[in-house]
Amino acid sequence: MRRYLLTLALALFFAGGGQTFGDQKKEAVFGDLETMNVQDAQAKAAAWLKGTGKTDVATMARFQVIWQQQDRTVLDLVAETFALGEPAAARLLADARDQNMPAPTKVPEILKDSKNSLFFRANLGLAYARALSNRRVHEESLDVLKSFRPEQVVDPSAYLFHRSVAEHALLSKAEATQSIARLLDDCGTSPERYKTVSALMLLDMQTWQDKDLGAIARKMENIERRLDLARGGPQTQKLQKEVIARLDELIKELENKAKKKPGGS
């Protein structure tokens, strides 16, 4: 079923006149965005932890326990190391995962501070964006991911997947298609669940039209999501006005068609 969905999505993508994957990144070589292996990621994480000055016996023992977890992803292990060595990182990730915490409204300063290493900022940013994505806080998740590149993180497929999820949810069809294209084209070892969901998103976007009822439904879903996040401000109000205006247009169109028919009312 997964292979079928992926094949069908790609066939529709090309049949629909979308750009080929090669057009998105002409110099790409298949599989050139691979997840960093555990040994290299552990070495980088250890070097970062040493740079924080926290090399006492207790901390290093906890570090070893973290990296003995064979059922966790490389990104999980790196993020746990950051939480071990930097209390601000631990708080940031905990708040992002907490459903009861207000959704953030801007990119955290810790991810923008150039005094922190790129390894720290990019991978903490990815872990943070992933947590926000799980809460459907897509705006800030996307803002964080746009601050970095997939080549700068230990798991490029996770970067591209969560970026495409945010872009799809925010109705950015071209951007989502490009992110999915690179995920499928360049990340040869990405998890099957990423490929399957990406294929479903491609299939979904092939049905999108600008001004039909489906477009209204997608905007209404986005409005509902924003209201669930207590975001009833100007942006949500703008979306609400757009929905009402388009519904008015559709009603007038139906009325005009009815008037033109004999006996119509």
C-alpha atoms as a PDB file:
ATOM      1  CA  MET A   1       0.000   0.000   0.000  1.00  0.00           C
ATOM      2  CA  ARG A   2       2.825   2.401   0.859  1.00  0.00           C
ATOM      3  CA  ARG A   3       4.560   1.753  -2.467  1.00  0.00           C
ATOM      4  CA  TYR A   4       1.250   2.148  -4.274  1.00  0.00           C
ATOM      5  CA  LEU A   5       0.495   5.486  -2.613  1.00  0.00           C
ATOM      6  CA  LEU A   6       3.970   6.792  -3.320  1.00  0.00           C
ATOM      7  CA  THR A   7       3.867   5.658  -6.966  1.00  0.00           C
ATOM      8  CA  LEU A   8       0.395   7.122  -7.466  1.00  0.00           C
ATOM      9  CA  ALA A   9       1.344  10.419  -5.855  1.00  0.00           C
ATOM     10  CA  LEU A  10       4.450  10.782  -7.999  1.00  0.00           C
ATOM     11  CA  ALA A  11       2.536   9.874 -11.151  1.00  0.00           C
ATOM     12  CA  LEU A  12      -0.083  12.510 -10.425  1.00  0.00           C
ATOM     13  CA  PHE A  13       2.600  15.014  -9.523  1.00  0.00           C
ATOM     14  CA  PHE A  14       4.299  14.660 -12.902  1.00  0.00           C
ATOM     15  CA  ALA A  15       1.013  14.380 -14.820  1.00  0.00           C
ATOM     16  CA  GLY A  16      -0.168  17.575 -13.174  1.00  0.00           C
ATOM     17  CA  GLY A  17       2.673  19.523 -14.720  1.00  0.00           C
ATOM     18  CA  GLY A  18       4.723  19.842 -11.537  1.00  0.00           C
ATOM     19  CA  GLN A  19       8.433  20.458 -11.744  1.00  0.00           C
ATOM     20  CA  THR A  20      10.583  17.371 -11.827  1.00  0.00           C
ATOM     21  CA  PHE A  21      12.597  16.635  -8.739  1.00  0.00           C
ATOM     22  CA  GLY A  22      15.765  17.415 -10.627  1.00  0.00           C
ATOM     23  CA  ASP A  23      14.494  20.914 -11.348  1.00  0.00           C
ATOM     24  CA  GLN A  24      14.200  21.597  -7.628  1.00  0.00           C
ATOM     25  CA  LYS A  25      17.922  21.003  -7.132  1.00  0.00           C
ATOM     26  CA  LYS A  26      19.751  20.242 -10.363  1.00  0.00           C
ATOM     27  CA  GLU A  27      23.044  19.401  -8.688  1.00  0.00           C
ATOM     28  CA  ALA A  28      21.425  16.874  -6.337  1.00  0.00           C
ATOM     29  CA  VAL A  29      22.695  13.324  -6.156  1.00  0.00           C
ATOM     30  CA  PHE A  30      20.238  10.736  -4.884  1.00  0.00           C
ATOM     31  CA  GLY A  31      20.770  10.063  -1.217  1.00  0.00           C
ATOM     32  CA  ASP A  32      23.122  13.006  -0.596  1.00  0.00           C
ATOM     33  CA  LEU A  33      21.128  14.046   2.490  1.00  0.00           C
ATOM     34  CA  GLU A  34      21.659  11.141   4.850  1.00  0.00           C
ATOM     35  CA  THR A  35      20.964  10.922   8.556  1.00  0.00           C
ATOM     36  CA  MET A  36      24.200  11.249  10.521  1.00  0.00           C
ATOM     37  CA  ASN A  37      25.331   7.941  11.955  1.00  0.00           C
ATOM     38  CA  VAL A  38      25.172   7.460  15.712  1.00  0.00           C
ATOM     39  CA  GLN A  39      28.941   7.431  16.220  1.00  0.00           C
ATOM     40  CA  ASP A  40      29.518  10.742  14.467  1.00  0.00           C
ATOM     41  CA  ALA A  41      26.525  12.363  16.142  1.00  0.00           C
ATOM     42  CA  GLN A  42      27.673  11.168  19.559  1.00  0.00           C
ATOM     43  CA  ALA A  43      31.156  12.560  18.935  1.00  0.00           C
ATOM     44  CA  LYS A  44      29.740  15.956  17.949  1.00  0.00           C
ATOM     45  CA  ALA A  45      27.380  15.963  20.912  1.00  0.00           C
ATOM     46  CA  ALA A  46      30.236  15.056  23.258  1.00  0.00           C
ATOM     47  CA  ALA A  47      32.382  17.870  21.847  1.00  0.00           C
ATOM     48  CA  TRP A  48      29.512  20.311  22.355  1.00  0.00           C
ATOM     49  CA  LEU A  49      28.964  19.116  25.929  1.00  0.00           C
ATOM     50  CA  LYS A  50      32.667  19.474  26.652  1.00  0.00           C
ATOM     51  CA  GLY A  51      32.489  23.020  25.321  1.00  0.00           C
ATOM     52  CA  THR A  52      29.876  23.876  27.927  1.00  0.00           C
ATOM     53  CA  GLY A  53      32.346  22.941  30.646  1.00  0.00           C
ATOM     54  CA  LYS A  54      30.057  20.296  32.105  1.00  0.00           C
ATOM     55  CA  THR A  55      32.376  17.334  32.142  1.00  0.00           C
ATOM     56  CA  ASP A  56      31.943  16.169  35.727  1.00  0.00           C
ATOM     57  CA  VAL A  57      31.583  12.452  36.380  1.00  0.00           C
ATOM     58  CA  ALA A  58      27.818  12.583  37.012  1.00  0.00           C
ATOM     59  CA  THR A  59      27.088  14.519  33.817  1.00  0.00           C
ATOM     60  CA  MET A  60      29.257  12.266  31.668  1.00  0.00           C
ATOM     61  CA  ALA A  61      27.601   9.198  33.171  1.00  0.00           C
ATOM     62  CA  ARG A  62      24.187  10.579  32.202  1.00  0.00           C
ATOM     63  CA  PHE A  63      25.558  11.344  28.745  1.00  0.00           C
ATOM     64  CA  GLN A  64      26.579   7.713  28.295  1.00  0.00           C
ATOM     65  CA  VAL A  65      23.151   6.522  29.414  1.00  0.00           C
ATOM     66  CA  ILE A  66      21.504   8.797  26.843  1.00  0.00           C
ATOM     67  CA  TRP A  67      23.568   7.394  24.008  1.00  0.00           C
ATOM     68  CA  GLN A  68      22.935   3.780  24.983  1.00  0.00           C
ATOM     69  CA  GLN A  69      19.251   4.130  24.051  1.00  0.00           C
ATOM     70  CA  GLN A  70      19.063   2.116  20.873  1.00  0.00           C
ATOM     71  CA  ASP A  71      15.352   2.708  20.349  1.00  0.00           C
ATOM     72  CA  ARG A  72      15.711   6.501  19.997  1.00  0.00           C
ATOM     73  CA  THR A  73      16.480   8.512  16.872  1.00  0.00           C
ATOM     74  CA  VAL A  74      19.747  10.375  16.459  1.00  0.00           C
ATOM     75  CA  LEU A  75      17.842  13.659  16.743  1.00  0.00           C
ATOM     76  CA  ASP A  76      16.287  12.503  20.032  1.00  0.00           C
ATOM     77  CA  LEU A  77      19.712  11.685  21.462  1.00  0.00           C
ATOM     78  CA  VAL A  78      21.235  14.983  20.371  1.00  0.00           C
ATOM     79  CA  ALA A  79      18.273  16.908  21.802  1.00  0.00           C
ATOM     80  CA  GLU A  80      18.580  15.041  25.118  1.00  0.00           C
ATOM     81  CA  THR A  81      22.258  15.965  25.229  1.00  0.00           C
ATOM     82  CA  PHE A  82      21.390  19.628  24.752  1.00  0.00           C
ATOM     83  CA  ALA A  83      18.848  19.389  27.568  1.00  0.00           C
ATOM     84  CA  LEU A  84      21.521  17.790  29.755  1.00  0.00           C
ATOM     85  CA  GLY A  85      24.101  20.497  29.128  1.00  0.00           C
ATOM     86  CA  GLU A  86      21.954  23.624  28.774  1.00  0.00           C
ATOM     87  CA  PRO A  87      19.016  24.301  31.134  1.00  0.00           C
ATOM     88  CA  ALA A  88      17.582  26.870  28.702  1.00  0.00           C
ATOM     89  CA  ALA A  89      17.422  24.200  25.998  1.00  0.00           C
ATOM     90  CA  ALA A  90      15.702  21.806  28.398  1.00  0.00           C
ATOM     91  CA  ARG A  91      13.072  24.433  29.245  1.00  0.00           C
ATOM     92  CA  LEU A  92      12.555  25.328  25.583  1.00  0.00           C
ATOM     93  CA  LEU A  93      11.867  21.721  24.580  1.00  0.00           C
ATOM     94  CA  ALA A  94       9.691  21.058  27.621  1.00  0.00           C
ATOM     95  CA  ASP A  95       7.552  24.129  26.911  1.00  0.00           C
ATOM     96  CA  ALA A  96       7.244  23.212  23.221  1.00  0.00           C
ATOM     97  CA  ARG A  97       5.942  19.745  24.141  1.00  0.00           C
ATOM     98  CA  ASP A  98       3.557  20.966  26.835  1.00  0.00           C
ATOM     99  CA  GLN A  99       0.027  21.136  25.441  1.00  0.00           C
ATOM    100  CA  ASN A 100      -0.958  23.517  28.236  1.00  0.00           C
ATOM    101  CA  MET A 101       1.690  26.108  27.405  1.00  0.00           C
ATOM    102  CA  PRO A 102       0.697  29.044  25.160  1.00  0.00           C
ATOM    103  CA  ALA A 103       1.906  28.667  21.586  1.00  0.00           C
ATOM    104  CA  PRO A 104       5.010  30.780  20.914  1.00  0.00           C
ATOM    105  CA  THR A 105       4.770  33.810  18.666  1.00  0.00           C
ATOM    106  CA  LYS A 106       8.395  34.208  17.589  1.00  0.00           C
ATOM    107  CA  VAL A 107      11.639  32.315  17.099  1.00  0.00           C
ATOM    108  CA  PRO A 108      13.378  31.909  20.489  1.00  0.00           C
ATOM    109  CA  GLU A 109      16.489  34.013  21.011  1.00  0.00           C
ATOM    110  CA  ILE A 110      18.580  30.957  21.908  1.00  0.00           C
ATOM    111  CA  LEU A 111      18.177  29.750  18.313  1.00  0.00           C
ATOM    112  CA  LYS A 112      19.324  33.082  16.888  1.00  0.00           C
ATOM    113  CA  ASP A 113      22.278  33.781  19.191  1.00  0.00           C
ATOM    114  CA  SER A 114      25.428  33.396  17.079  1.00  0.00           C
ATOM    115  CA  LYS A 115      27.424  32.797  20.253  1.00  0.00           C
ATOM    116  CA  ASN A 116      25.912  29.322  20.241  1.00  0.00           C
ATOM    117  CA  SER A 117      27.396  26.871  17.759  1.00  0.00           C
ATOM    118  CA  LEU A 118      25.553  26.134  14.516  1.00  0.00           C
ATOM    119  CA  PHE A 119      25.403  22.454  15.499  1.00  0.00           C
ATOM    120  CA  PHE A 120      23.540  23.434  18.674  1.00  0.00           C
ATOM    121  CA  ARG A 121      21.222  26.023  17.092  1.00  0.00           C
ATOM    122  CA  ALA A 122      20.257  24.000  14.015  1.00  0.00           C
ATOM    123  CA  ASN A 123      19.573  20.715  15.779  1.00  0.00           C
ATOM    124  CA  LEU A 124      17.881  22.269  18.803  1.00  0.00           C
ATOM    125  CA  GLY A 125      15.797  24.245  16.301  1.00  0.00           C
ATOM    126  CA  LEU A 126      14.793  21.052  14.492  1.00  0.00           C
ATOM    127  CA  ALA A 127      13.809  19.301  17.742  1.00  0.00           C
ATOM    128  CA  TYR A 128      11.865  22.407  18.792  1.00  0.00           C
ATOM    129  CA  ALA A 129      10.110  22.730  15.416  1.00  0.00           C
ATOM    130  CA  ARG A 130       9.179  19.046  15.501  1.00  0.00           C
ATOM    131  CA  ALA A 131       7.575  19.488  18.932  1.00  0.00           C
ATOM    132  CA  LEU A 132       5.617  22.520  17.686  1.00  0.00           C
ATOM    133  CA  SER A 133       4.539  20.605  14.607  1.00  0.00           C
ATOM    134  CA  ASN A 134       3.087  17.879  16.822  1.00  0.00           C
ATOM    135  CA  ARG A 135       0.980  20.606  18.475  1.00  0.00           C
ATOM    136  CA  ARG A 136      -0.031  22.063  15.065  1.00  0.00           C
ATOM    137  CA  VAL A 137       1.835  25.301  15.764  1.00  0.00           C
ATOM    138  CA  HIS A 138       2.863  25.443  12.136  1.00  0.00           C
ATOM    139  CA  GLU A 139       3.717  29.134  11.735  1.00  0.00           C
ATOM    140  CA  GLU A 140       6.549  29.216  14.276  1.00  0.00           C
ATOM    141  CA  SER A 141       7.664  25.701  13.386  1.00  0.00           C
ATOM    142  CA  LEU A 142       8.177  26.863   9.808  1.00  0.00           C
ATOM    143  CA  ASP A 143       9.874  30.109  10.874  1.00  0.00           C
ATOM    144  CA  VAL A 144      12.415  28.107  12.888  1.00  0.00           C
ATOM    145  CA  LEU A 145      13.097  25.635  10.080  1.00  0.00           C
ATOM    146  CA  LYS A 146      13.592  28.445   7.576  1.00  0.00           C
ATOM    147  CA  SER A 147      16.431  29.705   9.790  1.00  0.00           C
ATOM    148  CA  PHE A 148      18.523  26.646   8.904  1.00  0.00           C
ATOM    149  CA  ARG A 149      19.169  24.228   6.050  1.00  0.00           C
ATOM    150  CA  PRO A 150      18.711  20.451   5.945  1.00  0.00           C
ATOM    151  CA  GLU A 151      22.452  20.031   5.416  1.00  0.00           C
ATOM    152  CA  GLN A 152      23.044  21.562   8.859  1.00  0.00           C
ATOM    153  CA  VAL A 153      21.099  19.028  10.934  1.00  0.00           C
ATOM    154  CA  VAL A 154      21.729  15.431  11.952  1.00  0.00           C
ATOM    155  CA  ASP A 155      18.459  14.260  10.365  1.00  0.00           C
ATOM    156  CA  PRO A 156      17.719  16.063   7.069  1.00  0.00           C
ATOM    157  CA  SER A 157      14.681  13.889   6.352  1.00  0.00           C
ATOM    158  CA  ALA A 158      13.041  15.007   9.608  1.00  0.00           C
ATOM    159  CA  TYR A 159      13.786  18.623   8.674  1.00  0.00           C
ATOM    160  CA  LEU A 160      12.219  18.310   5.221  1.00  0.00           C
ATOM    161  CA  PHE A 161       9.253  16.284   6.444  1.00  0.00           C
ATOM    162  CA  HIS A 162       8.230  18.674   9.214  1.00  0.00           C
ATOM    163  CA  ARG A 163       8.829  21.646   6.941  1.00  0.00           C
ATOM    164  CA  SER A 164       6.531  20.142   4.302  1.00  0.00           C
ATOM    165  CA  VAL A 165       3.882  19.394   6.958  1.00  0.00           C
ATOM    166  CA  ALA A 166       3.910  23.046   8.037  1.00  0.00           C
ATOM    167  CA  GLU A 167       3.829  24.325   4.455  1.00  0.00           C
ATOM    168  CA  HIS A 168       0.982  21.970   3.556  1.00  0.00           C
ATOM    169  CA  ALA A 169      -1.023  23.003   6.621  1.00  0.00           C
ATOM    170  CA  LEU A 170      -0.493  26.684   5.802  1.00  0.00           C
ATOM    171  CA  LEU A 171      -1.666  26.047   2.212  1.00  0.00           C
ATOM    172  CA  SER A 172       1.712  26.883   0.660  1.00  0.00           C
ATOM    173  CA  LYS A 173       1.385  24.385  -2.171  1.00  0.00           C
ATOM    174  CA  ALA A 174       4.503  25.262  -4.170  1.00  0.00           C
ATOM    175  CA  GLU A 175       6.751  25.317  -1.113  1.00  0.00           C
ATOM    176  CA  ALA A 176       5.335  22.059   0.275  1.00  0.00           C
ATOM    177  CA  THR A 177       5.782  20.366  -3.094  1.00  0.00           C
ATOM    178  CA  GLN A 178       9.394  21.491  -3.242  1.00  0.00           C
ATOM    179  CA  SER A 179      10.144  20.226   0.272  1.00  0.00           C
ATOM    180  CA  ILE A 180       8.514  16.869  -0.462  1.00  0.00           C
ATOM    181  CA  ALA A 181      10.389  16.654  -3.745  1.00  0.00           C
ATOM    182  CA  ARG A 182      13.709  17.045  -1.995  1.00  0.00           C
ATOM    183  CA  LEU A 183      12.735  14.614   0.766  1.00  0.00           C
ATOM    184  CA  LEU A 184      11.877  11.914  -1.773  1.00  0.00           C
ATOM    185  CA  ASP A 185      14.702  12.766  -4.157  1.00  0.00           C
ATOM    186  CA  ASP A 186      17.648  13.333  -1.839  1.00  0.00           C
ATOM    187  CA  CYS A 187      16.942  11.445   1.409  1.00  0.00           C
ATOM    188  CA  GLY A 188      17.475   7.851   0.357  1.00  0.00           C
ATOM    189  CA  THR A 189      17.095   6.398   3.851  1.00  0.00           C
ATOM    190  CA  SER A 190      14.171   8.487   5.129  1.00  0.00           C
ATOM    191  CA  PRO A 191      11.626   6.527   7.221  1.00  0.00           C
ATOM    192  CA  GLU A 192       8.748   4.876   5.402  1.00  0.00           C
ATOM    193  CA  ARG A 193       6.249   6.874   7.450  1.00  0.00           C
ATOM    194  CA  TYR A 194       7.739  10.105   6.069  1.00  0.00           C
ATOM    195  CA  LYS A 195       7.475   8.823   2.515  1.00  0.00           C
ATOM    196  CA  THR A 196       3.913   7.607   2.971  1.00  0.00           C
ATOM    197  CA  VAL A 197       2.588  10.795   4.555  1.00  0.00           C
ATOM    198  CA  SER A 198       4.464  12.870   1.977  1.00  0.00           C
ATOM    199  CA  ALA A 199       2.805  10.855  -0.795  1.00  0.00           C
ATOM    200  CA  LEU A 200      -0.590  11.510   0.758  1.00  0.00           C
ATOM    201  CA  MET A 201       0.145  15.231   0.954  1.00  0.00           C
ATOM    202  CA  LEU A 202       1.120  15.235  -2.715  1.00  0.00           C
ATOM    203  CA  LEU A 203      -2.094  13.424  -3.600  1.00  0.00           C
ATOM    204  CA  ASP A 204      -4.094  15.925  -1.574  1.00  0.00           C
ATOM    205  CA  MET A 205      -2.460  18.958  -3.167  1.00  0.00           C
ATOM    206  CA  GLN A 206      -3.200  17.644  -6.667  1.00  0.00           C
ATOM    207  CA  THR A 207      -6.895  18.200  -5.919  1.00  0.00           C
ATOM    208  CA  TRP A 208      -6.485  21.778  -4.707  1.00  0.00           C
ATOM    209  CA  GLN A 209      -8.188  24.560  -6.656  1.00  0.00           C
ATOM    210  CA  ASP A 210      -8.049  28.219  -5.769  1.00  0.00           C
ATOM    211  CA  LYS A 211     -11.683  29.188  -5.365  1.00  0.00           C
ATOM    212  CA  ASP A 212     -13.757  26.048  -4.964  1.00  0.00           C
ATOM    213  CA  LEU A 213     -15.513  24.799  -1.842  1.00  0.00           C
ATOM    214  CA  GLY A 214     -12.457  22.750  -1.002  1.00  0.00           C
ATOM    215  CA  ALA A 215     -10.362  25.916  -0.750  1.00  0.00           C
ATOM    216  CA  ILE A 216     -12.947  27.403   1.595  1.00  0.00           C
ATOM    217  CA  ALA A 217     -12.918  24.245   3.710  1.00  0.00           C
ATOM    218  CA  ARG A 218      -9.121  24.329   3.970  1.00  0.00           C
ATOM    219  CA  LYS A 219      -9.194  27.949   5.105  1.00  0.00           C
ATOM    220  CA  MET A 220     -11.902  27.174   7.638  1.00  0.00           C
ATOM    221  CA  GLU A 221      -9.813  24.294   8.997  1.00  0.00           C
ATOM    222  CA  ASN A 222      -6.863  26.660   9.336  1.00  0.00           C
ATOM    223  CA  ILE A 223      -9.077  29.178  11.152  1.00  0.00           C
ATOM    224  CA  GLU A 224     -10.241  26.456  13.548  1.00  0.00           C
ATOM    225  CA  ARG A 225      -6.628  25.447  14.218  1.00  0.00           C
ATOM    226  CA  ARG A 226      -5.633  29.027  14.964  1.00  0.00           C
ATOM    227  CA  LEU A 227      -8.590  29.510  17.304  1.00  0.00           C
ATOM    228  CA  ASP A 228      -7.628  26.298  19.118  1.00  0.00           C
ATOM    229  CA  LEU A 229      -4.237  27.934  19.692  1.00  0.00           C
ATOM    230  CA  ALA A 230      -5.935  31.085  21.040  1.00  0.00           C
ATOM    231  CA  ARG A 231      -4.931  33.052  17.939  1.00  0.00           C
ATOM    232  CA  GLY A 232      -7.995  35.093  17.195  1.00  0.00           C
ATOM    233  CA  GLY A 233      -6.082  38.200  16.129  1.00  0.00           C
ATOM    234  CA  PRO A 234      -5.820  40.122  12.841  1.00  0.00           C
ATOM    235  CA  GLN A 235      -4.500  37.193  10.772  1.00  0.00           C
ATOM    236  CA  THR A 236      -7.366  34.921  11.813  1.00  0.00           C
ATOM    237  CA  GLN A 237      -9.876  37.721  11.241  1.00  0.00           C
ATOM    238  CA  LYS A 238      -8.422  38.260   7.765  1.00  0.00           C
ATOM    239  CA  LEU A 239      -8.922  34.579   6.943  1.00  0.00           C
ATOM    240  CA  GLN A 240     -12.482  34.722   8.272  1.00  0.00           C
ATOM    241  CA  LYS A 241     -13.273  37.727   6.050  1.00  0.00           C
ATOM    242  CA  GLU A 242     -11.806  35.927   3.028  1.00  0.00           C
ATOM    243  CA  VAL A 243     -14.014  32.887   3.692  1.00  0.00           C
ATOM    244  CA  ILE A 244     -17.151  35.014   4.085  1.00  0.00           C
ATOM    245  CA  ALA A 245     -16.358  37.019   0.957  1.00  0.00           C
ATOM    246  CA  ARG A 246     -15.833  33.865  -1.110  1.00  0.00           C
ATOM    247  CA  LEU A 247     -19.035  32.287   0.203  1.00  0.00           C
ATOM    248  CA  ASP A 248     -20.911  35.448  -0.804  1.00  0.00           C
ATOM    249  CA  GLU A 249     -19.407  35.185  -4.286  1.00  0.00           C
ATOM    250  CA  LEU A 250     -20.477  31.552  -4.628  1.00  0.00           C
ATOM    251  CA  ILE A 251     -24.012  32.347  -3.477  1.00  0.00           C
ATOM    252  CA  LYS A 252     -24.289  35.162  -6.029  1.00  0.00           C
ATOM    253  CA  GLU A 253     -22.948  32.894  -8.765  1.00  0.00           C
ATOM    254  CA  LEU A 254     -25.590  30.275  -7.942  1.00  0.00           C
ATOM    255  CA  GLU A 255     -28.326  32.910  -7.842  1.00  0.00           C
ATOM    256  CA  ASN A 256     -27.288  34.264 -11.253  1.00  0.00           C
ATOM    257  CA  LYS A 257     -27.289  30.762 -12.732  1.00  0.00           C
ATOM    258  CA  ALA A 258     -30.722  30.109 -11.294  1.00  0.00           C
ATOM    259  CA  LYS A 259     -32.103  33.349 -12.778  1.00  0.00           C
ATOM    260  CA  LYS A 260     -30.898  32.395 -16.235  1.00  0.00           C
ATOM    261  CA  LYS A 261     -32.748  29.076 -16.164  1.00  0.00           C
ATOM    262  CA  PRO A 262     -36.418  29.071 -17.274  1.00  0.00           C
ATOM    263  CA  GLY A 263     -38.565  29.165 -14.141  1.00  0.00           C
ATOM    264  CA  GLY A 264     -35.508  29.471 -11.934  1.00  0.00           C
ATOM    265  CA  SER A 265     -35.700  31.124  -8.558  1.00  0.00           C
END
